[in-house]
Every structure is written in C-alpha cells, then in structure tokens.
Amino acid sequence: MSVKIKLCGMFREQDIEYVNEAKPDYIGFIVMFPKSHRNIGLKTALRLKKRLSPDIKSVAVSVDAPVEEFAEFALSGAADVLQLHGNEDVEYIARLRKLTSVPLIKAVKVTSAADIERANLLDVDFLLLDSGMGSGKAFDHSLIERERITKPFFLAGGLTPDNLVQAAKAVRPYGVDLSSGIETDKLKDRGRILAAVRNIRSVQL
C-alpha cells in the first residue's frame, strides 16, 4: 500500500505552483479561522483551486465553523473534502452530511487511546490523528493500536521531510499530513515540499 500525502495551509499562488510540481495527493486550505496566518476566504480558495492540478484533491480545514458557511466551500467547488478540526459533534456532522456529499475528515487530539475510540464512532470518512490544533509537535504514536482504528487515518503532528518515512513505516497510516514541516519562516518552502513528496513515494506498506 502506498501512503498518501496531504500538505496543508496553502494560501499563496506560489504555494499552488509548488504543489503542482510536487504532486501530493491532497492539499489543505485553512478557512474561516482568522487566528491562523494561513487563513483564506472562499474567494481566495476558489481562485487557488482553479490553479490546482486536477490530480490533487483540495481540503477545506476549519475549526467549529458555522455549518452552512463551511459547506459552501464544498458546494462551490473550492473543496473536494472538508476537514473538521474543532469540537464538531455528531449533530454538526449530521447537518453537514445533509448539506454536502463530499468526504469528511475529523481531526482528533490524541492524548489517550480513548480519544481514538470515541472518534471511531463518528460518521466521517477519515480521521486525522494529531497532538493538537496545528501544534507542529508529535504525540505518542504508541497510543495507536491498529485494532482500535476502523477508519483510514492521516498521521499529523511534528512531521517533516526527514522523519515522515520512519513515522509512516511505524504507524502504517492511510496518509501523512504536513504543514509547518514544509515551511521556512512560516511560508511554504518549495524544496521541503518536493522532498516530503519524494520521500513518502518511496514507502510501500
């Protein structure tokens, strides 16, 4: 099995140029979350999506956003996937399912195996296991026990081009997710993007 790669936090036109060259499987837009310097609105997301290679899926990522406004990123075509990175519950997910049919990713802050078990019960297509909301730090990967995870999952938190191969081989995720690990001075770095994709393409599980 080849490991997928998602590169998150694209907000400039040159970021899209870099990923079109590198060819990851997914890229992420941070939306409706002004606390992040990577935050963009629907108009910008649509513009960047038009420049994105059709081979790469776009993911709109937000935190406890109003459900109707968040769904618009999928309905408009700006996002092929929606990622929930806050405290979105069963009711929120059900409302989102009624508004759009795109796949859903639920981010999980992993502090114990119980966090993963609870997330398994949610009506989402993928999990994203992280140490927090874009903290850039790794969590204890020993908390992941394969028999407890019934959904495909992305591994996030503290990954860089240098350590993602080792992490992928140890954890055997569906995919890996990088954001700050492919940046220099808070901006996407072409060399690090190319290295991350090249390195993960060498992994077969």
N, C-alpha and C. Protein backbone atom coordinates (compact mmCIF):
# COMPACT_ATOMS: atom_id res chain seq x y z
N MET A 1 0.84 -1.20 0.00
CA MET A 1 0.00 0.00 0.00
C MET A 1 0.87 1.25 0.00
N SER A 2 0.56 2.15 -0.90
CA SER A 2 1.28 3.41 -0.92
C SER A 2 0.64 4.37 0.08
N VAL A 3 1.45 5.18 0.72
CA VAL A 3 0.98 6.12 1.72
C VAL A 3 0.64 7.44 1.04
N LYS A 4 -0.56 7.96 1.29
CA LYS A 4 -0.97 9.24 0.72
C LYS A 4 -0.28 10.37 1.48
N ILE A 5 -0.21 11.53 0.83
CA ILE A 5 0.37 12.69 1.50
C ILE A 5 -0.51 13.91 1.28
N LYS A 6 -0.75 14.62 2.39
CA LYS A 6 -1.55 15.84 2.39
C LYS A 6 -0.67 16.98 2.89
N LEU A 7 -0.60 18.04 2.14
CA LEU A 7 0.18 19.21 2.51
C LEU A 7 -0.79 20.34 2.80
N CYS A 8 -0.76 20.84 4.01
CA CYS A 8 -1.81 21.75 4.47
C CYS A 8 -1.32 23.19 4.59
N GLY A 9 -2.29 24.12 4.51
CA GLY A 9 -2.01 25.53 4.77
C GLY A 9 -1.56 26.32 3.56
N MET A 10 -2.08 25.99 2.38
CA MET A 10 -1.74 26.75 1.18
C MET A 10 -2.53 28.05 1.15
N PHE A 11 -1.84 29.16 0.91
CA PHE A 11 -2.59 30.42 0.85
C PHE A 11 -2.05 31.40 -0.18
N ARG A 12 -0.98 31.02 -0.88
CA ARG A 12 -0.42 31.90 -1.91
C ARG A 12 -0.42 31.19 -3.26
N GLU A 13 -0.39 31.98 -4.34
CA GLU A 13 -0.35 31.36 -5.66
C GLU A 13 0.91 30.55 -5.86
N GLN A 14 2.04 31.00 -5.30
CA GLN A 14 3.27 30.21 -5.46
C GLN A 14 3.20 28.89 -4.71
N ASP A 15 2.38 28.83 -3.63
CA ASP A 15 2.19 27.55 -2.94
C ASP A 15 1.57 26.53 -3.90
N ILE A 16 0.61 26.98 -4.70
CA ILE A 16 -0.05 26.10 -5.66
C ILE A 16 0.94 25.67 -6.74
N GLU A 17 1.81 26.57 -7.15
CA GLU A 17 2.84 26.20 -8.13
C GLU A 17 3.73 25.10 -7.58
N TYR A 18 4.10 25.23 -6.30
CA TYR A 18 4.98 24.23 -5.68
C TYR A 18 4.29 22.86 -5.63
N VAL A 19 3.02 22.83 -5.21
CA VAL A 19 2.36 21.52 -5.08
C VAL A 19 2.02 20.92 -6.44
N ASN A 20 1.74 21.76 -7.42
CA ASN A 20 1.51 21.23 -8.77
C ASN A 20 2.77 20.54 -9.29
N GLU A 21 3.91 21.05 -8.90
CA GLU A 21 5.18 20.43 -9.28
C GLU A 21 5.42 19.14 -8.50
N ALA A 22 5.11 19.17 -7.22
CA ALA A 22 5.42 18.03 -6.34
C ALA A 22 4.42 16.89 -6.48
N LYS A 23 3.16 17.20 -6.75
CA LYS A 23 2.08 16.22 -6.91
C LYS A 23 1.77 15.41 -5.64
N PRO A 24 1.43 16.08 -4.53
CA PRO A 24 0.88 15.34 -3.39
C PRO A 24 -0.52 14.85 -3.75
N ASP A 25 -1.12 14.06 -2.86
CA ASP A 25 -2.47 13.56 -3.10
C ASP A 25 -3.53 14.57 -2.70
N TYR A 26 -3.26 15.31 -1.63
CA TYR A 26 -4.20 16.30 -1.11
C TYR A 26 -3.44 17.56 -0.72
N ILE A 27 -4.13 18.71 -0.82
CA ILE A 27 -3.61 19.94 -0.21
C ILE A 27 -4.73 20.54 0.62
N GLY A 28 -4.35 21.32 1.63
CA GLY A 28 -5.35 21.89 2.52
C GLY A 28 -5.37 23.40 2.50
N PHE A 29 -6.57 23.96 2.56
CA PHE A 29 -6.79 25.39 2.76
C PHE A 29 -7.35 25.60 4.16
N ILE A 30 -6.73 26.47 4.96
CA ILE A 30 -7.28 26.85 6.25
C ILE A 30 -8.32 27.94 6.01
N VAL A 31 -9.55 27.69 6.40
CA VAL A 31 -10.62 28.64 6.09
C VAL A 31 -11.44 28.95 7.34
N MET A 32 -11.98 30.17 7.36
CA MET A 32 -12.86 30.60 8.45
C MET A 32 -12.20 30.43 9.82
N PHE A 33 -10.89 30.68 9.86
CA PHE A 33 -10.15 30.56 11.12
C PHE A 33 -9.10 31.67 11.16
N PRO A 34 -9.52 32.90 11.44
CA PRO A 34 -8.63 34.06 11.34
C PRO A 34 -7.44 34.05 12.29
N LYS A 35 -7.44 33.17 13.28
CA LYS A 35 -6.28 33.09 14.18
C LYS A 35 -5.04 32.61 13.44
N SER A 36 -5.24 31.94 12.32
CA SER A 36 -4.10 31.39 11.56
C SER A 36 -3.64 32.38 10.50
N HIS A 37 -2.32 32.53 10.36
CA HIS A 37 -1.79 33.39 9.30
C HIS A 37 -2.03 32.77 7.93
N ARG A 38 -2.41 31.49 7.90
CA ARG A 38 -2.66 30.80 6.63
C ARG A 38 -4.14 30.89 6.22
N ASN A 39 -4.96 31.55 7.00
CA ASN A 39 -6.40 31.60 6.76
C ASN A 39 -6.73 32.31 5.45
N ILE A 40 -7.67 31.71 4.69
CA ILE A 40 -8.15 32.35 3.47
C ILE A 40 -9.68 32.27 3.43
N GLY A 41 -10.28 33.09 2.59
CA GLY A 41 -11.72 33.09 2.41
C GLY A 41 -12.13 32.28 1.20
N LEU A 42 -13.43 32.22 0.97
CA LEU A 42 -13.97 31.42 -0.14
C LEU A 42 -13.47 31.93 -1.48
N LYS A 43 -13.42 33.23 -1.67
CA LYS A 43 -13.00 33.79 -2.96
C LYS A 43 -11.56 33.38 -3.28
N THR A 44 -10.69 33.45 -2.28
CA THR A 44 -9.29 33.06 -2.50
C THR A 44 -9.18 31.56 -2.72
N ALA A 45 -9.94 30.79 -1.95
CA ALA A 45 -9.91 29.33 -2.12
C ALA A 45 -10.33 28.93 -3.53
N LEU A 46 -11.35 29.58 -4.06
CA LEU A 46 -11.79 29.28 -5.42
C LEU A 46 -10.72 29.64 -6.44
N ARG A 47 -10.07 30.77 -6.24
CA ARG A 47 -9.02 31.19 -7.17
C ARG A 47 -7.85 30.21 -7.16
N LEU A 48 -7.45 29.78 -5.97
CA LEU A 48 -6.33 28.85 -5.86
C LEU A 48 -6.72 27.47 -6.40
N LYS A 49 -7.96 27.07 -6.14
CA LYS A 49 -8.43 25.77 -6.63
C LYS A 49 -8.37 25.72 -8.15
N LYS A 50 -8.70 26.81 -8.81
CA LYS A 50 -8.68 26.84 -10.27
C LYS A 50 -7.26 26.64 -10.81
N ARG A 51 -6.26 27.02 -10.02
CA ARG A 51 -4.87 26.86 -10.44
C ARG A 51 -4.30 25.50 -10.07
N LEU A 52 -5.02 24.76 -9.25
CA LEU A 52 -4.54 23.48 -8.74
C LEU A 52 -4.70 22.37 -9.78
N SER A 53 -3.69 21.52 -9.88
CA SER A 53 -3.78 20.37 -10.78
C SER A 53 -5.01 19.53 -10.44
N PRO A 54 -5.76 19.07 -11.44
CA PRO A 54 -6.95 18.26 -11.17
C PRO A 54 -6.63 16.91 -10.53
N ASP A 55 -5.36 16.53 -10.55
CA ASP A 55 -4.95 15.28 -9.91
C ASP A 55 -4.84 15.39 -8.39
N ILE A 56 -4.90 16.62 -7.87
CA ILE A 56 -4.72 16.86 -6.44
C ILE A 56 -6.04 17.29 -5.83
N LYS A 57 -6.46 16.63 -4.76
CA LYS A 57 -7.71 16.98 -4.09
C LYS A 57 -7.48 18.13 -3.10
N SER A 58 -8.42 19.05 -3.07
CA SER A 58 -8.34 20.16 -2.12
C SER A 58 -9.21 19.88 -0.90
N VAL A 59 -8.70 20.25 0.26
CA VAL A 59 -9.39 20.03 1.53
C VAL A 59 -9.57 21.38 2.22
N ALA A 60 -10.80 21.73 2.55
CA ALA A 60 -11.05 22.93 3.35
C ALA A 60 -11.03 22.52 4.82
N VAL A 61 -10.19 23.20 5.60
CA VAL A 61 -9.98 22.87 7.01
C VAL A 61 -10.46 24.03 7.87
N SER A 62 -11.34 23.74 8.83
CA SER A 62 -11.78 24.80 9.71
C SER A 62 -12.06 24.27 11.11
N VAL A 63 -12.31 25.21 12.02
CA VAL A 63 -12.49 24.91 13.44
C VAL A 63 -13.83 25.44 13.90
N ASP A 64 -14.79 24.54 14.15
CA ASP A 64 -16.09 24.92 14.68
C ASP A 64 -16.75 26.05 13.86
N ALA A 65 -16.65 25.96 12.56
CA ALA A 65 -17.22 26.98 11.68
C ALA A 65 -18.74 26.80 11.57
N PRO A 66 -19.47 27.88 11.33
CA PRO A 66 -20.91 27.73 11.06
C PRO A 66 -21.12 26.74 9.93
N VAL A 67 -21.97 25.75 10.15
CA VAL A 67 -22.03 24.61 9.24
C VAL A 67 -22.45 24.99 7.82
N GLU A 68 -23.41 25.89 7.68
CA GLU A 68 -23.86 26.27 6.34
C GLU A 68 -22.76 26.98 5.57
N GLU A 69 -22.03 27.86 6.24
CA GLU A 69 -20.95 28.60 5.57
C GLU A 69 -19.80 27.66 5.21
N PHE A 70 -19.52 26.71 6.08
CA PHE A 70 -18.44 25.77 5.82
C PHE A 70 -18.80 24.87 4.63
N ALA A 71 -20.04 24.42 4.58
CA ALA A 71 -20.49 23.57 3.48
C ALA A 71 -20.33 24.25 2.13
N GLU A 72 -20.41 25.58 2.13
CA GLU A 72 -20.31 26.32 0.87
C GLU A 72 -18.97 26.10 0.18
N PHE A 73 -17.92 25.80 0.94
CA PHE A 73 -16.62 25.54 0.30
C PHE A 73 -16.68 24.28 -0.56
N ALA A 74 -17.49 23.32 -0.16
CA ALA A 74 -17.69 22.12 -0.97
C ALA A 74 -18.68 22.38 -2.10
N LEU A 75 -19.79 23.05 -1.78
CA LEU A 75 -20.83 23.28 -2.77
C LEU A 75 -20.35 24.16 -3.91
N SER A 76 -19.42 25.05 -3.64
CA SER A 76 -18.89 25.96 -4.66
C SER A 76 -17.82 25.31 -5.53
N GLY A 77 -17.31 24.16 -5.08
CA GLY A 77 -16.22 23.50 -5.80
C GLY A 77 -14.84 23.87 -5.32
N ALA A 78 -14.75 24.73 -4.31
CA ALA A 78 -13.43 25.10 -3.79
C ALA A 78 -12.76 23.94 -3.06
N ALA A 79 -13.56 23.03 -2.49
CA ALA A 79 -13.01 21.91 -1.72
C ALA A 79 -13.62 20.60 -2.15
N ASP A 80 -12.77 19.60 -2.32
CA ASP A 80 -13.22 18.24 -2.63
C ASP A 80 -13.50 17.45 -1.36
N VAL A 81 -12.94 17.92 -0.25
CA VAL A 81 -13.05 17.26 1.05
C VAL A 81 -13.18 18.35 2.11
N LEU A 82 -13.90 18.07 3.20
CA LEU A 82 -13.98 19.01 4.33
C LEU A 82 -13.33 18.37 5.55
N GLN A 83 -12.52 19.14 6.26
CA GLN A 83 -11.84 18.65 7.46
C GLN A 83 -12.27 19.45 8.68
N LEU A 84 -12.75 18.75 9.69
CA LEU A 84 -13.25 19.35 10.92
C LEU A 84 -12.15 19.29 11.96
N HIS A 85 -11.72 20.46 12.42
CA HIS A 85 -10.55 20.48 13.30
C HIS A 85 -10.85 21.06 14.67
N GLY A 86 -12.14 21.06 15.04
CA GLY A 86 -12.51 21.61 16.33
C GLY A 86 -13.26 20.61 17.18
N ASN A 87 -14.34 21.07 17.80
CA ASN A 87 -15.15 20.22 18.68
C ASN A 87 -16.45 19.81 18.01
N GLU A 88 -16.44 19.69 16.71
CA GLU A 88 -17.65 19.33 15.97
C GLU A 88 -18.17 17.97 16.44
N ASP A 89 -19.47 17.92 16.74
CA ASP A 89 -20.05 16.71 17.33
C ASP A 89 -20.92 15.95 16.34
N VAL A 90 -21.61 14.94 16.83
CA VAL A 90 -22.46 14.09 15.99
C VAL A 90 -23.51 14.93 15.26
N GLU A 91 -24.13 15.86 15.97
CA GLU A 91 -25.17 16.70 15.36
C GLU A 91 -24.59 17.57 14.24
N TYR A 92 -23.45 18.17 14.50
CA TYR A 92 -22.80 19.02 13.49
C TYR A 92 -22.51 18.21 12.23
N ILE A 93 -21.95 17.02 12.41
CA ILE A 93 -21.59 16.17 11.28
C ILE A 93 -22.83 15.76 10.50
N ALA A 94 -23.91 15.45 11.21
CA ALA A 94 -25.16 15.07 10.56
C ALA A 94 -25.70 16.22 9.71
N ARG A 95 -25.63 17.42 10.21
CA ARG A 95 -26.08 18.60 9.46
C ARG A 95 -25.22 18.80 8.22
N LEU A 96 -23.92 18.61 8.37
CA LEU A 96 -23.01 18.76 7.24
C LEU A 96 -23.28 17.70 6.17
N ARG A 97 -23.58 16.49 6.60
CA ARG A 97 -23.89 15.40 5.66
C ARG A 97 -25.13 15.71 4.83
N LYS A 98 -26.09 16.42 5.42
CA LYS A 98 -27.31 16.76 4.69
C LYS A 98 -27.06 17.85 3.65
N LEU A 99 -26.04 18.66 3.88
CA LEU A 99 -25.75 19.79 3.00
C LEU A 99 -24.81 19.44 1.86
N THR A 100 -23.94 18.46 2.06
CA THR A 100 -22.93 18.13 1.06
C THR A 100 -22.58 16.65 1.12
N SER A 101 -22.13 16.12 -0.01
CA SER A 101 -21.79 14.70 -0.07
C SER A 101 -20.28 14.44 -0.14
N VAL A 102 -19.47 15.48 0.02
CA VAL A 102 -18.02 15.28 -0.08
C VAL A 102 -17.52 14.49 1.14
N PRO A 103 -16.37 13.81 1.01
CA PRO A 103 -15.81 13.10 2.16
C PRO A 103 -15.46 14.06 3.30
N LEU A 104 -15.54 13.53 4.53
CA LEU A 104 -15.24 14.32 5.72
C LEU A 104 -14.06 13.70 6.47
N ILE A 105 -13.19 14.58 6.95
CA ILE A 105 -12.07 14.19 7.81
C ILE A 105 -12.30 14.82 9.17
N LYS A 106 -12.16 14.05 10.25
CA LYS A 106 -12.26 14.62 11.60
C LYS A 106 -10.91 14.54 12.27
N ALA A 107 -10.37 15.69 12.64
CA ALA A 107 -9.11 15.73 13.37
C ALA A 107 -9.35 15.35 14.82
N VAL A 108 -8.42 14.60 15.39
CA VAL A 108 -8.54 14.11 16.76
C VAL A 108 -7.27 14.47 17.52
N LYS A 109 -7.44 15.21 18.62
CA LYS A 109 -6.30 15.47 19.50
C LYS A 109 -6.08 14.22 20.35
N VAL A 110 -4.96 13.55 20.12
CA VAL A 110 -4.71 12.26 20.76
C VAL A 110 -3.92 12.44 22.05
N THR A 111 -4.60 12.22 23.16
CA THR A 111 -3.92 12.22 24.46
C THR A 111 -4.00 10.84 25.11
N SER A 112 -4.93 10.01 24.59
CA SER A 112 -5.08 8.65 25.09
C SER A 112 -5.73 7.81 24.01
N ALA A 113 -5.68 6.49 24.15
CA ALA A 113 -6.31 5.60 23.18
C ALA A 113 -7.82 5.84 23.13
N ALA A 114 -8.40 6.29 24.24
CA ALA A 114 -9.84 6.55 24.29
C ALA A 114 -10.26 7.64 23.31
N ASP A 115 -9.38 8.60 23.06
CA ASP A 115 -9.69 9.66 22.09
C ASP A 115 -9.93 9.06 20.71
N ILE A 116 -9.12 8.08 20.35
CA ILE A 116 -9.26 7.42 19.05
C ILE A 116 -10.53 6.59 19.02
N GLU A 117 -10.82 5.88 20.11
CA GLU A 117 -12.01 5.02 20.16
C GLU A 117 -13.28 5.85 20.00
N ARG A 118 -13.33 7.01 20.64
CA ARG A 118 -14.51 7.87 20.52
C ARG A 118 -14.67 8.38 19.08
N ALA A 119 -13.57 8.76 18.47
CA ALA A 119 -13.63 9.29 17.11
C ALA A 119 -14.08 8.24 16.11
N ASN A 120 -13.77 6.98 16.38
CA ASN A 120 -14.17 5.89 15.50
C ASN A 120 -15.68 5.82 15.32
N LEU A 121 -16.43 6.32 16.30
CA LEU A 121 -17.88 6.23 16.27
C LEU A 121 -18.53 7.32 15.41
N LEU A 122 -17.77 8.32 15.03
CA LEU A 122 -18.33 9.44 14.28
C LEU A 122 -18.56 9.07 12.81
N ASP A 123 -19.56 9.69 12.21
CA ASP A 123 -19.90 9.43 10.81
C ASP A 123 -19.02 10.28 9.89
N VAL A 124 -17.74 9.91 9.85
CA VAL A 124 -16.79 10.59 8.97
C VAL A 124 -16.04 9.52 8.17
N ASP A 125 -15.38 9.97 7.10
CA ASP A 125 -14.71 9.03 6.21
C ASP A 125 -13.27 8.76 6.62
N PHE A 126 -12.63 9.76 7.22
CA PHE A 126 -11.24 9.65 7.63
C PHE A 126 -11.06 10.31 8.99
N LEU A 127 -10.06 9.85 9.73
CA LEU A 127 -9.60 10.54 10.93
C LEU A 127 -8.25 11.17 10.62
N LEU A 128 -7.93 12.21 11.35
CA LEU A 128 -6.59 12.80 11.31
C LEU A 128 -6.11 12.86 12.75
N LEU A 129 -5.10 12.09 13.06
CA LEU A 129 -4.60 11.98 14.43
C LEU A 129 -3.46 12.96 14.63
N ASP A 130 -3.63 13.85 15.62
CA ASP A 130 -2.70 14.96 15.81
C ASP A 130 -2.49 15.17 17.30
N SER A 131 -1.50 15.99 17.62
CA SER A 131 -1.23 16.31 19.03
C SER A 131 -2.04 17.51 19.49
N GLY A 132 -2.62 18.24 18.55
CA GLY A 132 -3.39 19.43 18.91
C GLY A 132 -3.79 20.16 17.65
N MET A 133 -4.21 21.39 17.77
CA MET A 133 -4.65 22.16 16.61
C MET A 133 -3.45 22.79 15.93
N GLY A 134 -2.79 22.01 15.07
CA GLY A 134 -1.65 22.54 14.34
C GLY A 134 -0.49 22.92 15.22
N SER A 135 -0.24 22.12 16.26
CA SER A 135 0.83 22.45 17.20
C SER A 135 2.22 22.24 16.61
N GLY A 136 2.31 21.42 15.56
CA GLY A 136 3.62 21.13 14.99
C GLY A 136 4.45 20.17 15.83
N LYS A 137 3.83 19.55 16.82
CA LYS A 137 4.53 18.62 17.69
C LYS A 137 3.94 17.22 17.55
N ALA A 138 4.75 16.22 17.78
CA ALA A 138 4.30 14.84 17.67
C ALA A 138 3.63 14.39 18.96
N PHE A 139 2.69 13.44 18.84
CA PHE A 139 2.12 12.81 20.03
C PHE A 139 2.73 11.41 20.16
N ASP A 140 2.37 10.73 21.22
CA ASP A 140 2.90 9.39 21.47
C ASP A 140 2.26 8.40 20.49
N HIS A 141 3.02 8.00 19.49
CA HIS A 141 2.46 7.12 18.45
C HIS A 141 2.15 5.73 18.98
N SER A 142 2.65 5.38 20.15
CA SER A 142 2.33 4.06 20.71
C SER A 142 0.86 3.97 21.12
N LEU A 143 0.17 5.13 21.20
CA LEU A 143 -1.25 5.11 21.54
C LEU A 143 -2.11 4.56 20.39
N ILE A 144 -1.52 4.49 19.21
CA ILE A 144 -2.25 3.97 18.06
C ILE A 144 -2.13 2.45 18.04
N GLU A 145 -3.26 1.79 18.21
CA GLU A 145 -3.30 0.34 18.09
C GLU A 145 -4.24 0.02 16.93
N ARG A 146 -3.73 -0.70 15.96
CA ARG A 146 -4.46 -0.90 14.71
C ARG A 146 -5.88 -1.43 14.93
N GLU A 147 -6.05 -2.34 15.88
CA GLU A 147 -7.38 -2.93 16.05
C GLU A 147 -8.40 -1.93 16.59
N ARG A 148 -7.92 -0.81 17.12
CA ARG A 148 -8.84 0.19 17.64
C ARG A 148 -9.27 1.18 16.56
N ILE A 149 -8.61 1.21 15.44
CA ILE A 149 -8.92 2.17 14.39
C ILE A 149 -9.60 1.45 13.24
N THR A 150 -10.86 1.77 13.03
CA THR A 150 -11.63 1.13 11.97
C THR A 150 -11.74 2.00 10.73
N LYS A 151 -11.26 3.23 10.81
CA LYS A 151 -11.32 4.15 9.68
C LYS A 151 -9.91 4.43 9.17
N PRO A 152 -9.77 4.71 7.87
CA PRO A 152 -8.47 5.16 7.39
C PRO A 152 -8.09 6.46 8.08
N PHE A 153 -6.82 6.63 8.39
CA PHE A 153 -6.43 7.84 9.12
C PHE A 153 -5.15 8.46 8.57
N PHE A 154 -5.10 9.78 8.74
CA PHE A 154 -3.89 10.55 8.44
C PHE A 154 -3.12 10.73 9.74
N LEU A 155 -1.82 10.66 9.66
CA LEU A 155 -0.96 10.95 10.81
C LEU A 155 -0.43 12.36 10.66
N ALA A 156 -0.57 13.18 11.71
CA ALA A 156 -0.11 14.56 11.68
C ALA A 156 0.62 14.88 12.99
N GLY A 157 1.27 16.02 13.00
CA GLY A 157 1.93 16.47 14.22
C GLY A 157 3.43 16.23 14.21
N GLY A 158 4.18 17.30 13.97
CA GLY A 158 5.64 17.21 14.06
C GLY A 158 6.32 16.49 12.92
N LEU A 159 5.61 16.26 11.83
CA LEU A 159 6.22 15.55 10.70
C LEU A 159 7.00 16.52 9.82
N THR A 160 8.14 16.05 9.33
CA THR A 160 9.00 16.81 8.42
C THR A 160 9.43 15.89 7.29
N PRO A 161 10.03 16.43 6.23
CA PRO A 161 10.54 15.55 5.19
C PRO A 161 11.54 14.52 5.72
N ASP A 162 12.21 14.84 6.82
CA ASP A 162 13.25 13.96 7.35
C ASP A 162 12.71 12.81 8.18
N ASN A 163 11.56 12.99 8.84
CA ASN A 163 11.08 11.93 9.75
C ASN A 163 9.79 11.25 9.29
N LEU A 164 9.20 11.71 8.18
CA LEU A 164 7.88 11.15 7.83
C LEU A 164 7.96 9.71 7.36
N VAL A 165 9.08 9.30 6.74
CA VAL A 165 9.19 7.90 6.29
C VAL A 165 9.23 6.96 7.48
N GLN A 166 10.03 7.30 8.47
CA GLN A 166 10.12 6.47 9.68
C GLN A 166 8.77 6.40 10.38
N ALA A 167 8.08 7.53 10.48
CA ALA A 167 6.77 7.56 11.15
C ALA A 167 5.75 6.72 10.37
N ALA A 168 5.76 6.84 9.05
CA ALA A 168 4.80 6.09 8.24
C ALA A 168 5.03 4.58 8.37
N LYS A 169 6.26 4.17 8.38
CA LYS A 169 6.55 2.74 8.50
C LYS A 169 6.16 2.21 9.87
N ALA A 170 6.31 3.04 10.90
CA ALA A 170 5.99 2.60 12.26
C ALA A 170 4.49 2.54 12.51
N VAL A 171 3.75 3.51 11.99
CA VAL A 171 2.33 3.67 12.32
C VAL A 171 1.42 3.08 11.24
N ARG A 172 1.90 3.03 9.99
CA ARG A 172 1.15 2.48 8.86
C ARG A 172 -0.19 3.20 8.66
N PRO A 173 -0.15 4.52 8.48
CA PRO A 173 -1.39 5.27 8.27
C PRO A 173 -1.85 5.19 6.82
N TYR A 174 -3.07 5.63 6.58
CA TYR A 174 -3.55 5.83 5.21
C TYR A 174 -2.73 6.94 4.55
N GLY A 175 -2.46 8.00 5.34
CA GLY A 175 -1.71 9.13 4.80
C GLY A 175 -1.00 9.90 5.88
N VAL A 176 -0.12 10.78 5.46
CA VAL A 176 0.58 11.68 6.38
C VAL A 176 0.18 13.11 6.03
N ASP A 177 0.25 13.99 7.02
CA ASP A 177 -0.17 15.37 6.85
C ASP A 177 0.91 16.29 7.40
N LEU A 178 1.37 17.23 6.56
CA LEU A 178 2.40 18.17 6.97
C LEU A 178 1.94 19.59 6.69
N SER A 179 2.35 20.50 7.57
CA SER A 179 2.10 21.91 7.34
C SER A 179 3.34 22.72 7.71
N SER A 180 3.58 22.93 9.00
CA SER A 180 4.78 23.69 9.40
C SER A 180 6.06 22.97 9.01
N GLY A 181 5.99 21.65 8.86
CA GLY A 181 7.17 20.87 8.49
C GLY A 181 7.64 21.09 7.07
N ILE A 182 6.82 21.77 6.26
CA ILE A 182 7.23 22.10 4.89
C ILE A 182 7.33 23.62 4.72
N GLU A 183 7.62 24.31 5.83
CA GLU A 183 7.74 25.77 5.79
C GLU A 183 9.11 26.23 6.27
N THR A 184 9.46 27.41 5.81
CA THR A 184 10.60 28.15 6.33
C THR A 184 10.11 29.55 6.64
N ASP A 185 10.26 29.97 7.88
CA ASP A 185 9.78 31.29 8.32
C ASP A 185 8.29 31.48 8.00
N LYS A 186 7.49 30.43 8.30
CA LYS A 186 6.03 30.45 8.16
C LYS A 186 5.53 30.54 6.73
N LEU A 187 6.39 30.30 5.77
CA LEU A 187 5.99 30.29 4.37
C LEU A 187 6.35 28.94 3.76
N LYS A 188 5.51 28.44 2.86
CA LYS A 188 5.77 27.17 2.22
C LYS A 188 7.09 27.22 1.46
N ASP A 189 7.87 26.16 1.62
CA ASP A 189 9.21 26.06 1.07
C ASP A 189 9.19 25.02 -0.06
N ARG A 190 9.49 25.45 -1.27
CA ARG A 190 9.44 24.55 -2.43
C ARG A 190 10.31 23.31 -2.22
N GLY A 191 11.52 23.51 -1.75
CA GLY A 191 12.44 22.38 -1.57
C GLY A 191 11.92 21.37 -0.57
N ARG A 192 11.33 21.85 0.52
CA ARG A 192 10.81 20.95 1.54
C ARG A 192 9.55 20.23 1.05
N ILE A 193 8.74 20.92 0.26
CA ILE A 193 7.57 20.28 -0.32
C ILE A 193 7.98 19.15 -1.26
N LEU A 194 8.93 19.44 -2.14
CA LEU A 194 9.38 18.42 -3.08
C LEU A 194 10.01 17.23 -2.35
N ALA A 195 10.78 17.52 -1.30
CA ALA A 195 11.43 16.45 -0.54
C ALA A 195 10.41 15.58 0.18
N ALA A 196 9.39 16.20 0.76
CA ALA A 196 8.38 15.44 1.50
C ALA A 196 7.66 14.46 0.58
N VAL A 197 7.24 14.94 -0.57
CA VAL A 197 6.51 14.07 -1.51
C VAL A 197 7.43 12.99 -2.05
N ARG A 198 8.64 13.37 -2.42
CA ARG A 198 9.59 12.39 -2.93
C ARG A 198 9.87 11.29 -1.90
N ASN A 199 10.04 11.68 -0.66
CA ASN A 199 10.37 10.71 0.38
C ASN A 199 9.22 9.74 0.65
N ILE A 200 7.99 10.26 0.72
CA ILE A 200 6.87 9.38 1.03
C ILE A 200 6.56 8.45 -0.14
N ARG A 201 6.87 8.86 -1.36
CA ARG A 201 6.62 7.99 -2.51
C ARG A 201 7.52 6.77 -2.51
N SER A 202 8.57 6.79 -1.69
CA SER A 202 9.46 5.63 -1.60
C SER A 202 8.94 4.56 -0.66
N VAL A 203 7.85 4.87 0.06
CA VAL A 203 7.33 3.96 1.09
C VAL A 203 6.23 3.09 0.52
N GLN A 204 6.34 1.79 0.71
CA GLN A 204 5.29 0.83 0.39
C GLN A 204 5.03 -0.01 1.64
N LEU A 205 3.79 -0.01 2.11
CA LEU A 205 3.44 -0.75 3.33
C LEU A 205 2.76 -2.06 2.98
